[in-house]
Amino acid sequence: MSTPIIERIKQEIAQLDVAAVSKEAGTVMSVGDGIVEIDGLNQAQLMEMVVFAASDGATLEESLQAEKPLYGLILNLEEELVKVVVLGEADVVTEGMTVYRTEQLLSIPVSDDIIGRVVDPLGQPLDAKGEIAADKHMALERVAYGVMDRSSVNEPVHTGIKAIDSMIPIGRGQRELIIGDRQTGKTTIAIDTIINQRYEPAEKRPLCIYVAIGQKRSKTANLVATLEEAGAMEYTTVISTSASEASSILFLAPFAGAAIGEYFMEQGKDVLVVFDDLSKHANAYRQMSLLLRRPPGREAYPGDIFYLHSRLLERSAKLSKDLGGGSITALPIIETQEGDVSAYIPTNVISITDGQIFLETDLFNKGIRPALNVGISVSRVGSSAQTKAMKKVSGKIRLELAQFRELEAFMQFASDLDDETKARIESGRTYVELLKQNQNDPMPFYKQVVVLYAANQGLFNGAAVELVKQVEMSYLEYIERDQSPILTELEETRQISDELAGKMDAAITAFREAHPQYFGQNATA
């Protein structure tokens, strides 16, 4: 016989709108290591944001309006429950806590005001410059544009680094990997590229986004200071995450960078995104996946680690004119161990990108900066991403350096060399010295063209290798002072006409005659 209490409970259950409760709210069943198991969210979607109740009995609206709402991200949909990663301090989450669906896939608030700011992966400001107005919410995860929505890559992104702009050109809409061991200058190349955009006309200048994934806060602060000093922060956004933050925040950082980039790309603007670095991103994703009990694969990375980076980097594109013609250029950075480019993550990202810039520890230790290995480094877009002027002067350089590397290895075993071989070695050493560049000192492309053209025409013939940098600086000063129309014409036309070539030849001859102290007796112009 039923008791009154049992009857009352049955009546309450019958009256309860189970669908409404299960759709909107759930209960924390267990929590640990930033992963929360939630029961009751039967209608939840993958990558949906949930919000934890601000206090006992707090409603969804009250929780969202709290001073610092605590969000979670649904990453596992299982039979009985969902697994959520906490986007923030997981210590405050306890068993029995109420969790509300927001019915929104993970997104970031974006507006033009985000330019010049330092933010976290959820779009919250970190630079004490006030709130950022939200014009639109961009989904962090979205399908990349299809082939028919894209156009060919044919405009350059000038890095300001002679060795890269001449031999490994990067185009707008390309994905170019920067790879090498730690402390070989990978971040320096990315930062120099951002700084160099100040030389581009304002209407054509790419907006820059630098994503720091698990970097030391001091490194990111120094980097922001460098960009501000160079006047580059006025067109740059920095997304900052530190090594001390939860793996879920590190996982979101590059997707936030891509989402912000897409906001501007859809306005028809060009964007440059630096992911520094995807090795730490892969580690964060591995940590998160293992805690979510996803099966480990090679090197304990989950099976979808390749898909993770491919769906991120595929969002780089040069859109067709019908869609506004905007672009996202991606510069992912990968750190290798002892130069091992055949490891799992490096090979994955190499196969996704359109070329790689490989930096070698041995060259770095020899004082060659950037420590570029010309043999392994390649751009699969090639000269179609170069200006006509750069294309004309850069052809000879790669050949000279490749021959020099061969002869340099041969030289160790040969005691007596013929004159032609000696001349080739001397020419190779000159080019190596010429392509060296100081940190945070990018050179606009028209000055690069002037210097490389002069080198091809024999400006440095007879000059000692240790004087090459001095001759280069003196020659550039002479051109800026006495032959400035050459630079102006190069900047405006971006090509070398026969008339301009004649002017540059005359300038080389005049400079050599005016500065005999740099050149030996056998020097010829």
Protein backbone atom coordinates (compact mmCIF):
# COMPACT_ATOMS: atom_id res chain seq x y z
CA MET A 1 0.00 0.00 0.00
CA SER A 2 1.41 3.41 -1.00
CA THR A 3 2.11 5.94 1.70
CA PRO A 4 0.99 9.61 1.30
CA ILE A 5 4.64 10.66 0.90
CA ILE A 6 5.23 8.28 -2.04
CA GLU A 7 1.98 9.43 -3.67
CA ARG A 8 3.02 13.09 -3.37
CA ILE A 9 6.43 12.40 -4.94
CA LYS A 10 4.75 10.60 -7.84
CA GLN A 11 2.44 13.58 -8.40
CA GLU A 12 5.40 16.03 -8.41
CA ILE A 13 7.30 13.87 -10.91
CA ALA A 14 4.23 13.72 -13.16
CA GLN A 15 3.90 17.50 -13.10
CA LEU A 16 7.60 18.14 -13.75
CA ASP A 17 8.51 19.33 -17.26
CA VAL A 18 11.47 16.97 -17.64
CA ALA A 19 12.36 18.13 -21.18
CA ALA A 20 12.64 21.78 -20.14
CA VAL A 21 14.88 21.00 -17.17
CA SER A 22 17.15 18.61 -19.04
CA LYS A 23 17.48 21.04 -21.94
CA GLU A 24 18.49 24.07 -19.91
CA ALA A 25 20.37 22.98 -16.75
CA GLY A 26 22.51 20.16 -15.42
CA THR A 27 24.33 19.16 -12.26
CA VAL A 28 28.06 18.65 -11.69
CA MET A 29 28.63 14.96 -10.90
CA SER A 30 32.44 15.02 -10.57
CA VAL A 31 35.30 17.45 -11.06
CA GLY A 32 39.06 17.03 -11.32
CA ASP A 33 42.03 18.44 -13.27
CA GLY A 34 39.82 21.07 -14.93
CA ILE A 35 37.45 18.42 -16.37
CA VAL A 36 33.83 18.39 -15.15
CA GLU A 37 31.27 15.60 -15.68
CA ILE A 38 27.73 17.00 -15.91
CA ASP A 39 24.44 15.11 -15.78
CA GLY A 40 21.19 16.48 -17.22
CA LEU A 41 22.35 18.43 -20.32
CA ASN A 42 20.63 16.00 -22.70
CA GLN A 43 20.18 18.54 -25.51
CA ALA A 44 23.75 19.92 -25.37
CA GLN A 45 25.90 20.39 -28.50
CA LEU A 46 29.59 19.78 -29.03
CA MET A 47 31.66 22.99 -28.57
CA GLU A 48 28.71 24.68 -26.81
CA MET A 49 29.47 27.08 -23.97
CA VAL A 50 27.95 26.41 -20.55
CA VAL A 51 28.03 28.73 -17.55
CA PHE A 52 28.42 27.62 -13.94
CA ALA A 53 25.92 29.06 -11.43
CA ALA A 54 27.42 32.15 -9.76
CA SER A 55 25.99 31.03 -6.38
CA ASP A 56 23.47 28.58 -4.94
CA GLY A 57 20.11 29.23 -6.56
CA ALA A 58 21.48 31.78 -9.07
CA THR A 59 19.62 31.87 -12.40
CA LEU A 60 21.21 31.74 -15.86
CA GLU A 61 20.84 35.54 -16.26
CA GLU A 62 22.40 36.22 -12.84
CA SER A 63 25.30 33.86 -13.59
CA LEU A 64 25.97 35.53 -16.97
CA GLN A 65 25.91 39.01 -15.40
CA ALA A 66 28.33 38.10 -12.59
CA GLU A 67 31.52 40.17 -12.41
CA LYS A 68 33.55 37.29 -13.88
CA PRO A 69 31.26 34.52 -15.21
CA LEU A 70 32.83 31.04 -15.18
CA TYR A 71 32.37 29.30 -18.51
CA GLY A 72 32.91 25.73 -19.61
CA LEU A 73 33.23 24.14 -23.04
CA ILE A 74 31.50 20.86 -23.93
CA LEU A 75 34.03 18.56 -25.61
CA ASN A 76 32.68 15.05 -24.94
CA LEU A 77 29.08 13.90 -25.49
CA GLU A 78 28.60 10.54 -23.77
CA GLU A 79 25.60 8.27 -23.15
CA GLU A 80 24.86 9.30 -19.59
CA LEU A 81 26.61 12.67 -19.25
CA VAL A 82 28.71 15.34 -20.94
CA LYS A 83 32.31 16.22 -20.19
CA VAL A 84 33.23 19.88 -20.00
CA VAL A 85 36.58 21.68 -19.72
CA VAL A 86 36.51 24.70 -17.43
CA LEU A 87 37.62 27.95 -19.09
CA GLY A 88 39.20 29.53 -16.05
CA GLU A 89 39.71 28.68 -12.37
CA ALA A 90 38.38 25.14 -11.91
CA ASP A 91 38.94 25.25 -8.11
CA VAL A 92 35.59 26.96 -7.49
CA VAL A 93 33.61 24.17 -9.21
CA THR A 94 32.14 21.66 -6.76
CA GLU A 95 29.96 18.55 -7.01
CA GLY A 96 26.24 19.33 -7.02
CA MET A 97 26.76 22.78 -8.59
CA THR A 98 24.20 23.84 -11.21
CA VAL A 99 25.37 24.36 -14.80
CA TYR A 100 23.33 26.20 -17.45
CA ARG A 101 23.40 25.83 -21.22
CA THR A 102 23.95 29.09 -23.07
CA GLU A 103 22.78 27.50 -26.38
CA GLN A 104 25.68 29.29 -28.08
CA LEU A 105 28.68 27.69 -29.70
CA LEU A 106 31.98 29.05 -28.43
CA SER A 107 32.56 32.53 -29.88
CA ILE A 108 34.63 35.66 -29.28
CA PRO A 109 33.33 39.26 -29.27
CA VAL A 110 35.13 41.29 -31.96
CA SER A 111 35.11 44.87 -33.23
CA ASP A 112 37.57 47.29 -34.82
CA ASP A 113 38.46 48.40 -31.27
CA ILE A 114 40.35 45.14 -30.71
CA ILE A 115 43.23 46.46 -32.88
CA GLY A 116 46.12 47.67 -30.71
CA ARG A 117 44.93 45.66 -27.69
CA VAL A 118 46.20 42.70 -25.64
CA VAL A 119 43.39 40.20 -24.97
CA ASP A 120 42.83 36.65 -23.71
CA PRO A 121 41.34 33.88 -25.93
CA LEU A 122 37.81 34.84 -24.82
CA GLY A 123 38.28 38.46 -25.95
CA GLN A 124 38.68 39.91 -22.44
CA PRO A 125 41.22 42.81 -22.27
CA LEU A 126 44.49 42.22 -20.41
CA ASP A 127 46.07 45.66 -20.95
CA ALA A 128 44.10 47.87 -18.51
CA LYS A 129 42.88 50.08 -21.38
CA GLY A 130 39.18 49.56 -20.69
CA GLU A 131 36.50 47.34 -22.14
CA ILE A 132 36.34 46.41 -25.83
CA ALA A 133 33.00 47.08 -27.53
CA ALA A 134 31.56 44.02 -29.29
CA ASP A 135 30.39 44.58 -32.86
CA LYS A 136 29.99 40.88 -33.69
CA HIS A 137 30.51 37.45 -32.11
CA MET A 138 32.77 35.24 -34.26
CA ALA A 139 32.66 31.45 -33.77
CA LEU A 140 36.03 30.06 -32.73
CA GLU A 141 35.38 26.89 -34.71
CA ARG A 142 33.99 27.16 -38.22
CA VAL A 143 34.39 25.47 -41.59
CA ALA A 144 37.09 26.99 -43.79
CA TYR A 145 36.20 28.61 -47.12
CA GLY A 146 35.97 26.20 -50.06
CA VAL A 147 38.16 26.19 -53.17
CA MET A 148 35.60 28.09 -55.27
CA ASP A 149 35.53 30.93 -52.72
CA ARG A 150 39.28 31.49 -52.98
CA SER A 151 41.57 33.15 -55.47
CA SER A 152 45.25 32.54 -56.25
CA VAL A 153 47.97 33.90 -53.97
CA ASN A 154 49.74 36.64 -55.92
CA GLU A 155 50.48 39.51 -53.52
CA PRO A 156 53.55 39.50 -51.25
CA VAL A 157 53.75 39.83 -47.49
CA HIS A 158 57.15 41.50 -47.14
CA THR A 159 58.98 40.27 -44.05
CA GLY A 160 61.74 42.88 -44.27
CA ILE A 161 64.27 40.02 -44.06
CA LYS A 162 66.41 39.88 -47.21
CA ALA A 163 67.00 36.12 -47.12
CA ILE A 164 63.27 35.35 -46.88
CA ASP A 165 61.86 37.99 -49.27
CA SER A 166 64.38 37.03 -51.94
CA MET A 167 64.46 33.21 -51.64
CA ILE A 168 61.38 32.07 -49.66
CA PRO A 169 58.69 34.64 -50.54
CA ILE A 170 55.46 34.65 -48.53
CA GLY A 171 52.18 35.56 -50.24
CA ARG A 172 48.97 37.00 -48.80
CA GLY A 173 46.76 34.00 -48.02
CA GLN A 174 49.67 31.57 -47.64
CA ARG A 175 50.58 29.37 -44.63
CA GLU A 176 54.35 29.43 -44.09
CA LEU A 177 55.77 27.38 -41.22
CA ILE A 178 58.68 28.73 -39.15
CA ILE A 179 60.47 25.72 -37.66
CA GLY A 180 63.63 25.15 -35.64
CA ASP A 181 65.07 24.35 -32.22
CA ARG A 182 64.53 26.65 -29.25
CA GLN A 183 66.55 29.88 -29.22
CA THR A 184 67.19 29.97 -32.97
CA GLY A 185 65.24 33.17 -33.72
CA LYS A 186 61.80 31.84 -34.76
CA THR A 187 59.79 34.49 -32.89
CA THR A 188 62.22 37.18 -34.10
CA ILE A 189 61.31 36.45 -37.74
CA ALA A 190 57.59 36.73 -36.94
CA ILE A 191 58.02 39.98 -34.98
CA ASP A 192 60.26 41.51 -37.65
CA THR A 193 57.56 40.69 -40.22
CA ILE A 194 54.95 42.51 -38.10
CA ILE A 195 57.26 45.52 -37.63
CA ASN A 196 58.04 45.62 -41.37
CA GLN A 197 54.36 46.20 -42.22
CA ARG A 198 54.80 49.84 -41.13
CA TYR A 199 56.56 50.41 -44.50
CA GLU A 200 53.43 49.34 -46.40
CA PRO A 201 50.94 52.05 -47.47
CA ALA A 202 48.23 52.37 -44.78
CA GLU A 203 45.43 51.27 -47.13
CA LYS A 204 47.33 48.09 -48.15
CA ARG A 205 48.89 47.30 -44.76
CA PRO A 206 47.90 43.90 -43.32
CA LEU A 207 46.45 43.94 -39.81
CA CYS A 208 48.57 41.70 -37.57
CA ILE A 209 47.54 39.23 -34.86
CA TYR A 210 50.17 37.65 -32.62
CA VAL A 211 48.99 34.60 -30.63
CA ALA A 212 51.24 33.74 -27.66
CA ILE A 213 50.48 30.12 -26.68
CA GLY A 214 51.80 29.23 -23.23
CA GLN A 215 54.61 31.82 -23.34
CA LYS A 216 56.18 33.41 -20.27
CA ARG A 217 54.33 36.59 -19.34
CA SER A 218 57.63 38.49 -19.27
CA LYS A 219 58.39 37.42 -22.86
CA THR A 220 54.96 38.58 -24.06
CA ALA A 221 55.31 41.89 -22.16
CA ASN A 222 58.74 42.52 -23.75
CA LEU A 223 57.33 41.68 -27.15
CA VAL A 224 54.43 44.14 -26.75
CA ALA A 225 56.93 46.80 -25.63
CA THR A 226 59.06 46.11 -28.75
CA LEU A 227 56.01 46.47 -31.01
CA GLU A 228 54.95 49.71 -29.29
CA GLU A 229 58.44 51.16 -29.60
CA ALA A 230 58.48 50.34 -33.33
CA GLY A 231 55.00 51.87 -33.80
CA ALA A 232 53.57 48.48 -34.81
CA MET A 233 50.95 48.07 -32.05
CA GLU A 234 48.64 50.51 -33.85
CA TYR A 235 47.82 47.75 -36.36
CA THR A 236 48.44 44.69 -34.14
CA THR A 237 46.37 42.61 -31.70
CA VAL A 238 48.10 40.33 -29.18
CA ILE A 239 46.30 37.26 -27.79
CA SER A 240 48.19 36.24 -24.67
CA THR A 241 48.19 32.98 -22.71
CA SER A 242 50.84 31.99 -20.18
CA ALA A 243 52.28 28.58 -19.28
CA SER A 244 50.50 28.70 -15.92
CA GLU A 245 47.01 28.80 -17.45
CA ALA A 246 44.69 25.82 -17.93
CA SER A 247 45.28 23.65 -21.01
CA SER A 248 41.75 24.54 -22.22
CA ILE A 249 42.71 28.24 -22.49
CA LEU A 250 45.91 27.34 -24.41
CA PHE A 251 43.82 25.12 -26.71
CA LEU A 252 41.48 28.02 -27.56
CA ALA A 253 44.16 30.69 -28.20
CA PRO A 254 45.00 29.99 -31.88
CA PHE A 255 41.31 29.53 -32.77
CA ALA A 256 40.62 32.94 -31.23
CA GLY A 257 43.36 34.40 -33.46
CA ALA A 258 41.79 32.80 -36.55
CA ALA A 259 38.31 34.07 -35.57
CA ILE A 260 39.53 37.67 -35.15
CA GLY A 261 41.38 37.36 -38.47
CA GLU A 262 38.20 36.19 -40.22
CA TYR A 263 36.26 39.19 -38.88
CA PHE A 264 38.65 41.55 -40.71
CA MET A 265 39.11 39.28 -43.75
CA GLU A 266 35.35 39.36 -44.37
CA GLN A 267 35.61 43.17 -44.50
CA GLY A 268 38.01 42.78 -47.45
CA LYS A 269 41.14 43.45 -45.37
CA ASP A 270 44.45 41.55 -45.32
CA VAL A 271 45.44 39.90 -42.04
CA LEU A 272 48.69 38.32 -40.82
CA VAL A 273 48.34 35.79 -37.95
CA VAL A 274 51.34 34.40 -36.03
CA PHE A 275 50.76 31.23 -33.98
CA ASP A 276 53.62 31.05 -31.45
CA ASP A 277 53.84 28.14 -31.05
CA LEU A 278 51.79 25.12 -32.16
CA SER A 279 54.07 22.64 -30.33
CA LYS A 280 52.73 23.98 -27.03
CA HIS A 281 49.22 23.96 -28.52
CA ALA A 282 49.58 20.26 -29.37
CA ASN A 283 50.84 19.53 -25.84
CA ALA A 284 47.86 21.37 -24.31
CA TYR A 285 45.45 19.43 -26.53
CA ARG A 286 47.13 16.13 -25.61
CA GLN A 287 46.84 16.94 -21.90
CA MET A 288 43.17 17.88 -22.29
CA SER A 289 42.36 14.79 -24.40
CA LEU A 290 43.99 12.39 -21.93
CA LEU A 291 41.99 13.95 -19.07
CA LEU A 292 38.84 13.55 -21.19
CA ARG A 293 39.71 9.82 -21.49
CA ARG A 294 40.10 9.98 -25.25
CA PRO A 295 42.29 7.11 -26.52
CA PRO A 296 45.97 8.08 -26.97
CA GLY A 297 47.80 7.41 -30.23
CA ARG A 298 51.35 8.04 -31.41
CA GLU A 299 53.48 9.79 -28.73
CA ALA A 300 50.27 9.83 -26.59
CA TYR A 301 48.72 12.48 -28.87
CA PRO A 302 45.03 11.88 -29.66
CA GLY A 303 44.10 10.54 -33.09
CA ASP A 304 42.65 13.86 -34.25
CA ILE A 305 45.74 16.01 -33.56
CA PHE A 306 46.38 16.34 -37.32
CA TYR A 307 42.76 17.41 -37.87
CA LEU A 308 43.11 19.94 -35.03
CA HIS A 309 45.90 21.82 -36.81
CA SER A 310 44.57 21.32 -40.34
CA ARG A 311 41.14 22.82 -39.55
CA LEU A 312 42.94 25.75 -37.88
CA LEU A 313 45.40 26.46 -40.71
CA GLU A 314 42.91 25.78 -43.54
CA ARG A 315 41.14 28.97 -42.46
CA SER A 316 44.02 30.94 -44.01
CA ALA A 317 42.84 32.02 -47.43
CA LYS A 318 42.90 34.63 -50.16
CA LEU A 319 39.21 35.25 -50.85
CA SER A 320 37.80 35.82 -54.33
CA LYS A 321 36.82 39.32 -55.43
CA ASP A 322 33.14 38.39 -55.07
CA LEU A 323 33.73 37.88 -51.33
CA GLY A 324 35.73 41.10 -50.92
CA GLY A 325 39.24 39.87 -51.73
CA GLY A 326 40.46 39.80 -48.09
CA SER A 327 43.09 37.37 -46.88
CA ILE A 328 44.54 35.65 -43.83
CA THR A 329 48.24 34.77 -43.96
CA ALA A 330 49.33 32.31 -41.25
CA LEU A 331 52.83 32.00 -39.80
CA PRO A 332 52.68 28.97 -37.48
CA ILE A 333 55.79 28.30 -35.39
CA ILE A 334 56.94 24.80 -34.41
CA GLU A 335 59.78 23.98 -32.01
CA THR A 336 61.89 20.92 -32.87
CA GLN A 337 64.07 18.80 -30.58
CA GLU A 338 67.70 18.60 -31.78
CA GLY A 339 66.66 19.61 -35.30
CA ASP A 340 64.40 16.56 -35.73
CA VAL A 341 61.93 17.69 -38.41
CA SER A 342 60.72 14.09 -38.86
CA ALA A 343 58.98 14.00 -35.44
CA TYR A 344 55.18 13.63 -35.30
CA ILE A 345 53.96 17.23 -34.85
CA PRO A 346 56.59 18.85 -37.18
CA THR A 347 55.74 16.44 -40.04
CA ASN A 348 52.02 17.02 -39.48
CA VAL A 349 52.31 20.80 -39.73
CA ILE A 350 54.83 20.67 -42.61
CA SER A 351 52.30 18.65 -44.62
CA ILE A 352 49.50 21.15 -43.85
CA THR A 353 51.41 24.34 -44.71
CA ASP A 354 52.59 25.82 -48.04
CA GLY A 355 56.28 25.78 -47.21
CA GLN A 356 58.65 26.13 -44.28
CA ILE A 357 61.43 28.39 -43.05
CA PHE A 358 63.91 26.09 -41.30
CA LEU A 359 66.28 27.70 -38.79
CA GLU A 360 69.41 25.75 -37.92
CA THR A 361 71.20 25.81 -34.56
CA ASP A 362 74.68 25.40 -36.11
CA LEU A 363 74.19 28.43 -38.37
CA PHE A 364 72.83 30.44 -35.43
CA ASN A 365 75.88 29.57 -33.34
CA LYS A 366 78.15 30.66 -36.24
CA GLY A 367 76.60 34.12 -36.04
CA ILE A 368 74.50 33.82 -39.21
CA ARG A 369 71.25 35.62 -38.37
CA PRO A 370 68.64 34.69 -39.49
CA ALA A 371 70.00 31.13 -39.24
CA LEU A 372 68.22 30.08 -42.42
CA ASN A 373 68.92 26.66 -43.93
CA VAL A 374 68.39 27.44 -47.63
CA GLY A 375 68.42 23.75 -48.60
CA ILE A 376 65.42 22.65 -46.49
CA SER A 377 63.51 25.94 -46.51
CA VAL A 378 60.99 26.36 -49.32
CA SER A 379 57.93 28.36 -50.34
CA ARG A 380 55.39 26.41 -52.39
CA VAL A 381 53.86 29.65 -53.66
CA GLY A 382 57.21 30.80 -54.98
CA SER A 383 57.87 33.79 -57.19
CA SER A 384 54.16 34.40 -57.88
CA ALA A 385 54.17 36.09 -54.46
CA GLN A 386 57.07 38.41 -55.36
CA THR A 387 57.11 41.85 -56.94
CA LYS A 388 58.63 41.96 -60.42
CA ALA A 389 61.60 43.90 -59.06
CA MET A 390 62.39 41.29 -56.37
CA LYS A 391 61.86 38.43 -58.82
CA LYS A 392 64.46 39.98 -61.15
CA VAL A 393 67.20 40.32 -58.52
CA SER A 394 66.61 37.18 -56.44
CA GLY A 395 67.13 34.50 -59.09
CA LYS A 396 70.92 34.43 -58.78
CA ILE A 397 71.11 34.35 -54.97
CA ARG A 398 69.75 30.86 -54.23
CA LEU A 399 72.01 29.36 -56.91
CA GLU A 400 75.08 31.16 -55.55
CA LEU A 401 74.35 30.01 -51.98
CA ALA A 402 73.60 26.40 -52.98
CA GLN A 403 76.92 26.19 -54.89
CA PHE A 404 78.74 27.83 -51.99
CA ARG A 405 77.39 25.27 -49.47
CA GLU A 406 78.60 22.43 -51.75
CA LEU A 407 82.04 23.97 -52.22
CA GLU A 408 82.30 24.80 -48.51
CA ALA A 409 81.94 21.11 -47.66
CA PHE A 410 84.42 20.19 -50.42
CA MET A 411 86.94 22.83 -49.22
CA GLN A 412 87.60 20.91 -45.99
CA PHE A 413 89.33 18.16 -47.98
CA ALA A 414 91.01 20.18 -50.74
CA SER A 415 94.30 21.93 -50.12
CA ASP A 416 94.71 23.59 -53.52
CA LEU A 417 91.82 25.32 -55.31
CA ASP A 418 91.70 26.82 -58.80
CA ASP A 419 90.92 30.49 -59.31
CA GLU A 420 87.32 29.93 -60.48
CA THR A 421 86.49 27.88 -57.37
CA LYS A 422 88.10 30.50 -55.13
CA ALA A 423 86.02 33.22 -56.81
CA ARG A 424 82.81 31.22 -56.29
CA ILE A 425 83.63 30.68 -52.62
CA GLU A 426 84.40 34.37 -52.17
CA SER A 427 81.12 35.31 -53.88
CA GLY A 428 79.21 32.86 -51.65
CA ARG A 429 80.79 34.32 -48.50
CA THR A 430 79.82 37.81 -49.66
CA TYR A 431 76.17 36.79 -50.14
CA VAL A 432 76.08 35.03 -46.75
CA GLU A 433 77.40 38.19 -45.09
CA LEU A 434 75.02 40.39 -47.08
CA LEU A 435 71.97 38.38 -46.00
CA LYS A 436 72.77 38.74 -42.30
CA GLN A 437 70.40 41.07 -40.48
CA ASN A 438 70.06 42.45 -36.96
CA GLN A 439 67.08 41.68 -34.75
CA ASN A 440 64.07 44.05 -35.05
CA ASP A 441 65.70 45.82 -37.99
CA PRO A 442 63.62 44.87 -41.05
CA MET A 443 64.43 46.47 -44.40
CA PRO A 444 61.69 47.69 -46.79
CA PHE A 445 61.59 45.71 -50.02
CA TYR A 446 62.72 48.61 -52.27
CA LYS A 447 65.96 48.96 -50.28
CA GLN A 448 66.44 45.18 -50.45
CA VAL A 449 66.10 45.32 -54.24
CA VAL A 450 68.69 48.11 -54.49
CA VAL A 451 71.22 46.16 -52.38
CA LEU A 452 70.65 42.77 -54.06
CA TYR A 453 70.78 44.29 -57.55
CA ALA A 454 74.08 45.97 -56.64
CA ALA A 455 75.48 42.67 -55.31
CA ASN A 456 74.52 40.86 -58.54
CA GLN A 457 76.20 43.63 -60.58
CA GLY A 458 79.47 43.28 -58.67
CA LEU A 459 79.30 46.13 -56.12
CA PHE A 460 81.15 44.03 -53.54
CA ASN A 461 83.83 42.64 -55.88
CA GLY A 462 87.22 43.10 -54.25
CA ALA A 463 85.77 44.06 -50.85
CA ALA A 464 86.88 41.98 -47.88
CA VAL A 465 84.08 39.84 -46.38
CA GLU A 466 84.33 41.67 -43.05
CA LEU A 467 83.66 44.99 -44.88
CA VAL A 468 80.50 43.81 -46.68
CA LYS A 469 78.05 45.20 -44.07
CA GLN A 470 79.93 48.51 -43.96
CA VAL A 471 79.85 48.80 -47.78
CA GLU A 472 76.11 47.96 -47.78
CA MET A 473 75.32 50.68 -45.21
CA SER A 474 77.45 53.27 -47.01
CA TYR A 475 75.88 52.41 -50.37
CA LEU A 476 72.31 52.70 -48.97
CA GLU A 477 73.18 56.06 -47.36
CA TYR A 478 74.56 57.24 -50.73
CA ILE A 479 71.39 56.12 -52.59
CA GLU A 480 69.06 57.76 -50.01
CA ARG A 481 71.09 60.99 -50.06
CA ASP A 482 72.03 61.40 -53.72
CA GLN A 483 69.86 58.96 -55.71
CA SER A 484 66.52 58.99 -53.84
CA PRO A 485 64.42 58.93 -57.09
CA ILE A 486 65.61 55.32 -57.56
CA LEU A 487 63.95 54.28 -54.26
CA THR A 488 60.81 56.28 -55.03
CA GLU A 489 60.40 54.66 -58.45
CA LEU A 490 60.97 51.16 -57.04
CA GLU A 491 58.43 51.74 -54.28
CA GLU A 492 55.77 53.03 -56.71
CA THR A 493 56.26 50.75 -59.74
CA ARG A 494 57.66 47.64 -57.96
CA GLN A 495 59.61 46.73 -61.10
CA ILE A 496 63.00 47.46 -62.70
CA SER A 497 62.69 49.11 -66.10
CA ASP A 498 65.70 49.35 -68.46
CA GLU A 499 65.96 53.03 -67.62
CA LEU A 500 65.98 52.34 -63.86
CA ALA A 501 68.57 49.58 -64.31
CA GLY A 502 70.79 52.10 -66.13
CA LYS A 503 70.44 54.56 -63.23
CA MET A 504 71.38 51.86 -60.69
CA ASP A 505 74.38 50.73 -62.76
CA ALA A 506 75.60 54.36 -62.89
CA ALA A 507 75.09 54.68 -59.12
CA ILE A 508 77.17 51.53 -58.47
CA THR A 509 80.03 52.84 -60.65
CA ALA A 510 79.92 56.28 -59.02
CA PHE A 511 79.94 54.77 -55.51
CA ARG A 512 82.90 52.49 -56.22
CA GLU A 513 84.88 55.41 -57.67
CA ALA A 514 84.05 57.60 -54.67
CA HIS A 515 85.01 54.91 -52.09
CA PRO A 516 88.20 53.16 -53.27
CA GLN A 517 89.10 52.39 -49.62
CA TYR A 518 86.59 49.52 -49.56
CA PHE A 519 87.88 47.68 -52.62
CA GLY A 520 91.09 45.86 -53.55
CA GLN A 521 93.30 46.65 -56.52
CA ASN A 522 91.65 43.96 -58.69
CA ALA A 523 88.10 45.24 -58.09
CA THR A 524 85.93 45.75 -61.15
CA ALA A 525 82.57 47.44 -61.25
